[in-house]
Amino acid sequence: MMKDIVASKWAQIIKRGAGAAEDGMVTAEYALGTVATTGIAGILIWLSQQDWLKEAIASIFKLIVASVA
């Protein structure tokens, strides 16, 4: 009896395939992506507030405009 139940459960798992066993990973992947995106956004906001970066970008644009004109 128990052997038949185990065999039928294994048959169900095999029919569903490997993808069915990973259904719970979707939430974890979204959470990890959200944390990573938030961290990168924080770094970009911090960088955009730095004077040295503003000066570097301004000098790059000045060089581009000087070379075109």
PDB file of N, CA and C in Angstrom:
ATOM      1  N   MET A   1       0.827  -1.193   0.000  1.00  0.00           N
ATOM      2  CA  MET A   1       0.000   0.000   0.000  1.00  0.00           C
ATOM      3  C   MET A   1       0.870   1.254   0.000  1.00  0.00           C
ATOM      4  N   MET A   2       1.779   1.353   0.981  1.00  0.00           N
ATOM      5  CA  MET A   2       2.647   2.519   1.088  1.00  0.00           C
ATOM      6  C   MET A   2       3.552   2.630  -0.131  1.00  0.00           C
ATOM      7  N   LYS A   3       3.990   1.492  -0.631  1.00  0.00           N
ATOM      8  CA  LYS A   3       4.856   1.467  -1.804  1.00  0.00           C
ATOM      9  C   LYS A   3       4.139   2.054  -3.011  1.00  0.00           C
ATOM     10  N   ASP A   4       2.857   1.769  -3.155  1.00  0.00           N
ATOM     11  CA  ASP A   4       2.061   2.299  -4.260  1.00  0.00           C
ATOM     12  C   ASP A   4       1.889   3.810  -4.141  1.00  0.00           C
ATOM     13  N   ILE A   5       1.686   4.303  -2.925  1.00  0.00           N
ATOM     14  CA  ILE A   5       1.520   5.744  -2.707  1.00  0.00           C
ATOM     15  C   ILE A   5       2.813   6.487  -3.066  1.00  0.00           C
ATOM     16  N   VAL A   6       3.941   5.961  -2.612  1.00  0.00           N
ATOM     17  CA  VAL A   6       5.234   6.587  -2.909  1.00  0.00           C
ATOM     18  C   VAL A   6       5.501   6.561  -4.406  1.00  0.00           C
ATOM     19  N   ALA A   7       5.201   5.445  -5.037  1.00  0.00           N
ATOM     20  CA  ALA A   7       5.418   5.334  -6.480  1.00  0.00           C
ATOM     21  C   ALA A   7       4.550   6.322  -7.240  1.00  0.00           C
ATOM     22  N   SER A   8       3.293   6.512  -6.816  1.00  0.00           N
ATOM     23  CA  SER A   8       2.426   7.453  -7.523  1.00  0.00           C
ATOM     24  C   SER A   8       2.878   8.897  -7.302  1.00  0.00           C
ATOM     25  N   LYS A   9       3.365   9.192  -6.103  1.00  0.00           N
ATOM     26  CA  LYS A   9       3.884  10.549  -5.837  1.00  0.00           C
ATOM     27  C   LYS A   9       5.096  10.835  -6.715  1.00  0.00           C
ATOM     28  N   TRP A  10       6.008   9.865  -6.837  1.00  0.00           N
ATOM     29  CA  TRP A  10       7.170  10.042  -7.698  1.00  0.00           C
ATOM     30  C   TRP A  10       6.751  10.194  -9.151  1.00  0.00           C
ATOM     31  N   ALA A  11       5.748   9.472  -9.561  1.00  0.00           N
ATOM     32  CA  ALA A  11       5.256   9.591 -10.935  1.00  0.00           C
ATOM     33  C   ALA A  11       4.698  10.994 -11.179  1.00  0.00           C
ATOM     34  N   GLN A  12       4.003  11.554 -10.199  1.00  0.00           N
ATOM     35  CA  GLN A  12       3.481  12.917 -10.336  1.00  0.00           C
ATOM     36  C   GLN A  12       4.620  13.928 -10.438  1.00  0.00           C
ATOM     37  N   ILE A  13       5.634  13.756  -9.626  1.00  0.00           N
ATOM     38  CA  ILE A  13       6.775  14.679  -9.646  1.00  0.00           C
ATOM     39  C   ILE A  13       7.489  14.614 -10.984  1.00  0.00           C
ATOM     40  N   ILE A  14       7.675  13.425 -11.490  1.00  0.00           N
ATOM     41  CA  ILE A  14       8.364  13.260 -12.773  1.00  0.00           C
ATOM     42  C   ILE A  14       7.537  13.854 -13.900  1.00  0.00           C
ATOM     43  N   LYS A  15       6.209  13.699 -13.868  1.00  0.00           N
ATOM     44  CA  LYS A  15       5.346  14.264 -14.910  1.00  0.00           C
ATOM     45  C   LYS A  15       5.398  15.789 -14.913  1.00  0.00           C
ATOM     46  N   ARG A  16       5.469  16.393 -13.730  1.00  0.00           N
ATOM     47  CA  ARG A  16       5.505  17.856 -13.644  1.00  0.00           C
ATOM     48  C   ARG A  16       6.828  18.418 -14.140  1.00  0.00           C
ATOM     49  N   GLY A  17       7.876  17.681 -14.001  1.00  0.00           N
ATOM     50  CA  GLY A  17       9.184  18.126 -14.457  1.00  0.00           C
ATOM     51  C   GLY A  17       9.929  18.897 -13.388  1.00  0.00           C
ATOM     52  N   ALA A  18      11.135  19.327 -13.739  1.00  0.00           N
ATOM     53  CA  ALA A  18      11.999  20.002 -12.774  1.00  0.00           C
ATOM     54  C   ALA A  18      11.501  21.409 -12.463  1.00  0.00           C
ATOM     55  N   GLY A  19      10.831  22.047 -13.397  1.00  0.00           N
ATOM     56  CA  GLY A  19      10.381  23.420 -13.188  1.00  0.00           C
ATOM     57  C   GLY A  19       9.393  23.563 -12.047  1.00  0.00           C
ATOM     58  N   ALA A  20       8.609  22.558 -11.796  1.00  0.00           N
ATOM     59  CA  ALA A  20       7.600  22.633 -10.740  1.00  0.00           C
ATOM     60  C   ALA A  20       8.247  22.691  -9.361  1.00  0.00           C
ATOM     61  N   ALA A  21       9.408  22.103  -9.214  1.00  0.00           N
ATOM     62  CA  ALA A  21      10.080  22.103  -7.921  1.00  0.00           C
ATOM     63  C   ALA A  21      10.678  23.472  -7.594  1.00  0.00           C
ATOM     64  N   GLU A  22      10.787  24.358  -8.578  1.00  0.00           N
ATOM     65  CA  GLU A  22      11.408  25.661  -8.378  1.00  0.00           C
ATOM     66  C   GLU A  22      10.393  26.796  -8.354  1.00  0.00           C
ATOM     67  N   ASP A  23       9.131  26.505  -8.160  1.00  0.00           N
ATOM     68  CA  ASP A  23       8.110  27.540  -8.173  1.00  0.00           C
ATOM     69  C   ASP A  23       8.335  28.587  -7.089  1.00  0.00           C
ATOM     70  N   GLY A  24       8.840  28.206  -5.946  1.00  0.00           N
ATOM     71  CA  GLY A  24       9.043  29.134  -4.847  1.00  0.00           C
ATOM     72  C   GLY A  24      10.206  30.090  -5.058  1.00  0.00           C
ATOM     73  N   MET A  25      11.065  29.813  -6.010  1.00  0.00           N
ATOM     74  CA  MET A  25      12.225  30.667  -6.233  1.00  0.00           C
ATOM     75  C   MET A  25      11.849  32.001  -6.865  1.00  0.00           C
ATOM     76  N   VAL A  26      10.707  32.092  -7.477  1.00  0.00           N
ATOM     77  CA  VAL A  26      10.326  33.332  -8.142  1.00  0.00           C
ATOM     78  C   VAL A  26      10.295  34.479  -7.145  1.00  0.00           C
ATOM     79  N   THR A  27       9.711  34.285  -6.000  1.00  0.00           N
ATOM     80  CA  THR A  27       9.630  35.333  -4.986  1.00  0.00           C
ATOM     81  C   THR A  27      11.016  35.715  -4.485  1.00  0.00           C
ATOM     82  N   ALA A  28      11.862  34.743  -4.257  1.00  0.00           N
ATOM     83  CA  ALA A  28      13.218  35.020  -3.779  1.00  0.00           C
ATOM     84  C   ALA A  28      14.016  35.786  -4.829  1.00  0.00           C
ATOM     85  N   GLU A  29      13.838  35.443  -6.088  1.00  0.00           N
ATOM     86  CA  GLU A  29      14.551  36.145  -7.151  1.00  0.00           C
ATOM     87  C   GLU A  29      14.087  37.591  -7.246  1.00  0.00           C
ATOM     88  N   TYR A  30      12.782  37.823  -7.137  1.00  0.00           N
ATOM     89  CA  TYR A  30      12.283  39.197  -7.154  1.00  0.00           C
ATOM     90  C   TYR A  30      12.812  39.981  -5.962  1.00  0.00           C
ATOM     91  N   ALA A  31      12.853  39.366  -4.806  1.00  0.00           N
ATOM     92  CA  ALA A  31      13.353  40.052  -3.609  1.00  0.00           C
ATOM     93  C   ALA A  31      14.826  40.415  -3.772  1.00  0.00           C
ATOM     94  N   LEU A  32      15.620  39.495  -4.272  1.00  0.00           N
ATOM     95  CA  LEU A  32      17.041  39.761  -4.474  1.00  0.00           C
ATOM     96  C   LEU A  32      17.235  40.857  -5.513  1.00  0.00           C
ATOM     97  N   GLY A  33      16.463  40.814  -6.578  1.00  0.00           N
ATOM     98  CA  GLY A  33      16.545  41.855  -7.604  1.00  0.00           C
ATOM     99  C   GLY A  33      16.157  43.215  -7.065  1.00  0.00           C
ATOM    100  N   THR A  34      15.138  43.259  -6.217  1.00  0.00           N
ATOM    101  CA  THR A  34      14.696  44.520  -5.622  1.00  0.00           C
ATOM    102  C   THR A  34      15.769  45.090  -4.702  1.00  0.00           C
ATOM    103  N   VAL A  35      16.381  44.251  -3.901  1.00  0.00           N
ATOM    104  CA  VAL A  35      17.437  44.708  -2.989  1.00  0.00           C
ATOM    105  C   VAL A  35      18.640  45.213  -3.786  1.00  0.00           C
ATOM    106  N   ALA A  36      19.022  44.485  -4.814  1.00  0.00           N
ATOM    107  CA  ALA A  36      20.167  44.897  -5.630  1.00  0.00           C
ATOM    108  C   ALA A  36      19.886  46.209  -6.356  1.00  0.00           C
ATOM    109  N   THR A  37      18.688  46.347  -6.913  1.00  0.00           N
ATOM    110  CA  THR A  37      18.318  47.573  -7.615  1.00  0.00           C
ATOM    111  C   THR A  37      18.293  48.759  -6.672  1.00  0.00           C
ATOM    112  N   THR A  38      17.769  48.568  -5.491  1.00  0.00           N
ATOM    113  CA  THR A  38      17.731  49.643  -4.500  1.00  0.00           C
ATOM    114  C   THR A  38      19.137  50.055  -4.093  1.00  0.00           C
ATOM    115  N   GLY A  39      20.015  49.092  -3.922  1.00  0.00           N
ATOM    116  CA  GLY A  39      21.400  49.408  -3.574  1.00  0.00           C
ATOM    117  C   GLY A  39      22.106  50.189  -4.668  1.00  0.00           C
ATOM    118  N   ILE A  40      21.926  49.770  -5.909  1.00  0.00           N
ATOM    119  CA  ILE A  40      22.541  50.483  -7.034  1.00  0.00           C
ATOM    120  C   ILE A  40      21.963  51.885  -7.157  1.00  0.00           C
ATOM    121  N   ALA A  41      20.658  52.034  -6.970  1.00  0.00           N
ATOM    122  CA  ALA A  41      20.036  53.363  -7.023  1.00  0.00           C
ATOM    123  C   ALA A  41      20.597  54.261  -5.929  1.00  0.00           C
ATOM    124  N   GLY A  42      20.805  53.724  -4.753  1.00  0.00           N
ATOM    125  CA  GLY A  42      21.383  54.505  -3.659  1.00  0.00           C
ATOM    126  C   GLY A  42      22.785  54.980  -3.980  1.00  0.00           C
ATOM    127  N   ILE A  43      23.574  54.109  -4.584  1.00  0.00           N
ATOM    128  CA  ILE A  43      24.934  54.491  -4.974  1.00  0.00           C
ATOM    129  C   ILE A  43      24.899  55.577  -6.042  1.00  0.00           C
ATOM    130  N   LEU A  44      23.992  55.434  -7.025  1.00  0.00           N
ATOM    131  CA  LEU A  44      23.894  56.443  -8.078  1.00  0.00           C
ATOM    132  C   LEU A  44      23.434  57.792  -7.534  1.00  0.00           C
ATOM    133  N   ILE A  45      22.517  57.776  -6.586  1.00  0.00           N
ATOM    134  CA  ILE A  45      22.077  59.034  -5.967  1.00  0.00           C
ATOM    135  C   ILE A  45      23.232  59.668  -5.209  1.00  0.00           C
ATOM    136  N   TRP A  46      23.975  58.860  -4.466  1.00  0.00           N
ATOM    137  CA  TRP A  46      25.132  59.387  -3.729  1.00  0.00           C
ATOM    138  C   TRP A  46      26.169  59.975  -4.686  1.00  0.00           C
ATOM    139  N   LEU A  47      26.438  59.260  -5.789  1.00  0.00           N
ATOM    140  CA  LEU A  47      27.405  59.752  -6.764  1.00  0.00           C
ATOM    141  C   LEU A  47      26.947  61.061  -7.403  1.00  0.00           C
ATOM    142  N   SER A  48      25.660  61.163  -7.693  1.00  0.00           N
ATOM    143  CA  SER A  48      25.157  62.372  -8.352  1.00  0.00           C
ATOM    144  C   SER A  48      25.254  63.595  -7.455  1.00  0.00           C
ATOM    145  N   GLN A  49      25.407  63.412  -6.170  1.00  0.00           N
ATOM    146  CA  GLN A  49      25.518  64.527  -5.239  1.00  0.00           C
ATOM    147  C   GLN A  49      26.964  64.930  -4.981  1.00  0.00           C
ATOM    148  N   GLN A  50      27.921  64.227  -5.560  1.00  0.00           N
ATOM    149  CA  GLN A  50      29.333  64.520  -5.336  1.00  0.00           C
ATOM    150  C   GLN A  50      29.801  65.608  -6.306  1.00  0.00           C
ATOM    151  N   ASP A  51      30.511  66.599  -5.772  1.00  0.00           N
ATOM    152  CA  ASP A  51      30.995  67.705  -6.592  1.00  0.00           C
ATOM    153  C   ASP A  51      32.001  67.249  -7.642  1.00  0.00           C
ATOM    154  N   TRP A  52      32.863  66.300  -7.294  1.00  0.00           N
ATOM    155  CA  TRP A  52      33.880  65.853  -8.235  1.00  0.00           C
ATOM    156  C   TRP A  52      33.266  65.197  -9.467  1.00  0.00           C
ATOM    157  N   LEU A  53      32.148  64.518  -9.288  1.00  0.00           N
ATOM    158  CA  LEU A  53      31.485  63.896 -10.436  1.00  0.00           C
ATOM    159  C   LEU A  53      30.831  64.951 -11.310  1.00  0.00           C
ATOM    160  N   LYS A  54      30.190  65.939 -10.688  1.00  0.00           N
ATOM    161  CA  LYS A  54      29.587  67.028 -11.454  1.00  0.00           C
ATOM    162  C   LYS A  54      30.644  67.764 -12.267  1.00  0.00           C
ATOM    163  N   GLU A  55      31.809  68.020 -11.651  1.00  0.00           N
ATOM    164  CA  GLU A  55      32.896  68.705 -12.356  1.00  0.00           C
ATOM    165  C   GLU A  55      33.442  67.850 -13.495  1.00  0.00           C
ATOM    166  N   ALA A  56      33.554  66.568 -13.286  1.00  0.00           N
ATOM    167  CA  ALA A  56      34.057  65.665 -14.331  1.00  0.00           C
ATOM    168  C   ALA A  56      33.109  65.631 -15.520  1.00  0.00           C
ATOM    169  N   ILE A  57      31.826  65.544 -15.252  1.00  0.00           N
ATOM    170  CA  ILE A  57      30.841  65.523 -16.341  1.00  0.00           C
ATOM    171  C   ILE A  57      30.856  66.849 -17.093  1.00  0.00           C
ATOM    172  N   ALA A  58      30.943  67.967 -16.364  1.00  0.00           N
ATOM    173  CA  ALA A  58      30.987  69.281 -17.005  1.00  0.00           C
ATOM    174  C   ALA A  58      32.225  69.424 -17.881  1.00  0.00           C
ATOM    175  N   SER A  59      33.363  68.939 -17.403  1.00  0.00           N
ATOM    176  CA  SER A  59      34.585  69.050 -18.206  1.00  0.00           C
ATOM    177  C   SER A  59      34.526  68.163 -19.445  1.00  0.00           C
ATOM    178  N   ILE A  60      33.908  67.005 -19.329  1.00  0.00           N
ATOM    179  CA  ILE A  60      33.748  66.128 -20.503  1.00  0.00           C
ATOM    180  C   ILE A  60      32.894  66.818 -21.556  1.00  0.00           C
ATOM    181  N   PHE A  61      31.779  67.426 -21.142  1.00  0.00           N
ATOM    182  CA  PHE A  61      30.919  68.114 -22.101  1.00  0.00           C
ATOM    183  C   PHE A  61      31.618  69.328 -22.707  1.00  0.00           C
ATOM    184  N   LYS A  62      32.421  70.028 -21.906  1.00  0.00           N
ATOM    185  CA  LYS A  62      33.171  71.168 -22.431  1.00  0.00           C
ATOM    186  C   LYS A  62      34.158  70.712 -23.494  1.00  0.00           C
ATOM    187  N   LEU A  63      34.831  69.575 -23.262  1.00  0.00           N
ATOM    188  CA  LEU A  63      35.768  69.042 -24.256  1.00  0.00           C
ATOM    189  C   LEU A  63      35.040  68.632 -25.540  1.00  0.00           C
ATOM    190  N   ILE A  64      33.879  68.048 -25.396  1.00  0.00           N
ATOM    191  CA  ILE A  64      33.104  67.637 -26.581  1.00  0.00           C
ATOM    192  C   ILE A  64      32.676  68.855 -27.375  1.00  0.00           C
ATOM    193  N   VAL A  65      32.161  69.871 -26.695  1.00  0.00           N
ATOM    194  CA  VAL A  65      31.702  71.075 -27.385  1.00  0.00           C
ATOM    195  C   VAL A  65      32.884  71.793 -28.029  1.00  0.00           C
ATOM    196  N   ALA A  66      34.030  71.839 -27.353  1.00  0.00           N
ATOM    197  CA  ALA A  66      35.216  72.508 -27.915  1.00  0.00           C
ATOM    198  C   ALA A  66      35.728  71.783 -29.146  1.00  0.00           C
ATOM    199  N   SER A  67      35.640  70.458 -29.166  1.00  0.00           N
ATOM    200  CA  SER A  67      36.137  69.704 -30.314  1.00  0.00           C
ATOM    201  C   SER A  67      35.191  69.797 -31.502  1.00  0.00           C
ATOM    202  N   VAL A  68      33.907  70.000 -31.261  1.00  0.00           N
ATOM    203  CA  VAL A  68      32.930  70.116 -32.345  1.00  0.00           C
ATOM    204  C   VAL A  68      32.971  71.514 -32.946  1.00  0.00           C
ATOM    205  N   ALA A  69      33.132  72.512 -32.120  1.00  0.00           N
ATOM    206  CA  ALA A  69      33.097  73.905 -32.595  1.00  0.00           C
ATOM    207  C   ALA A  69      34.368  74.339 -33.244  1.00  0.00           C
TER     208      ALA A  69
END
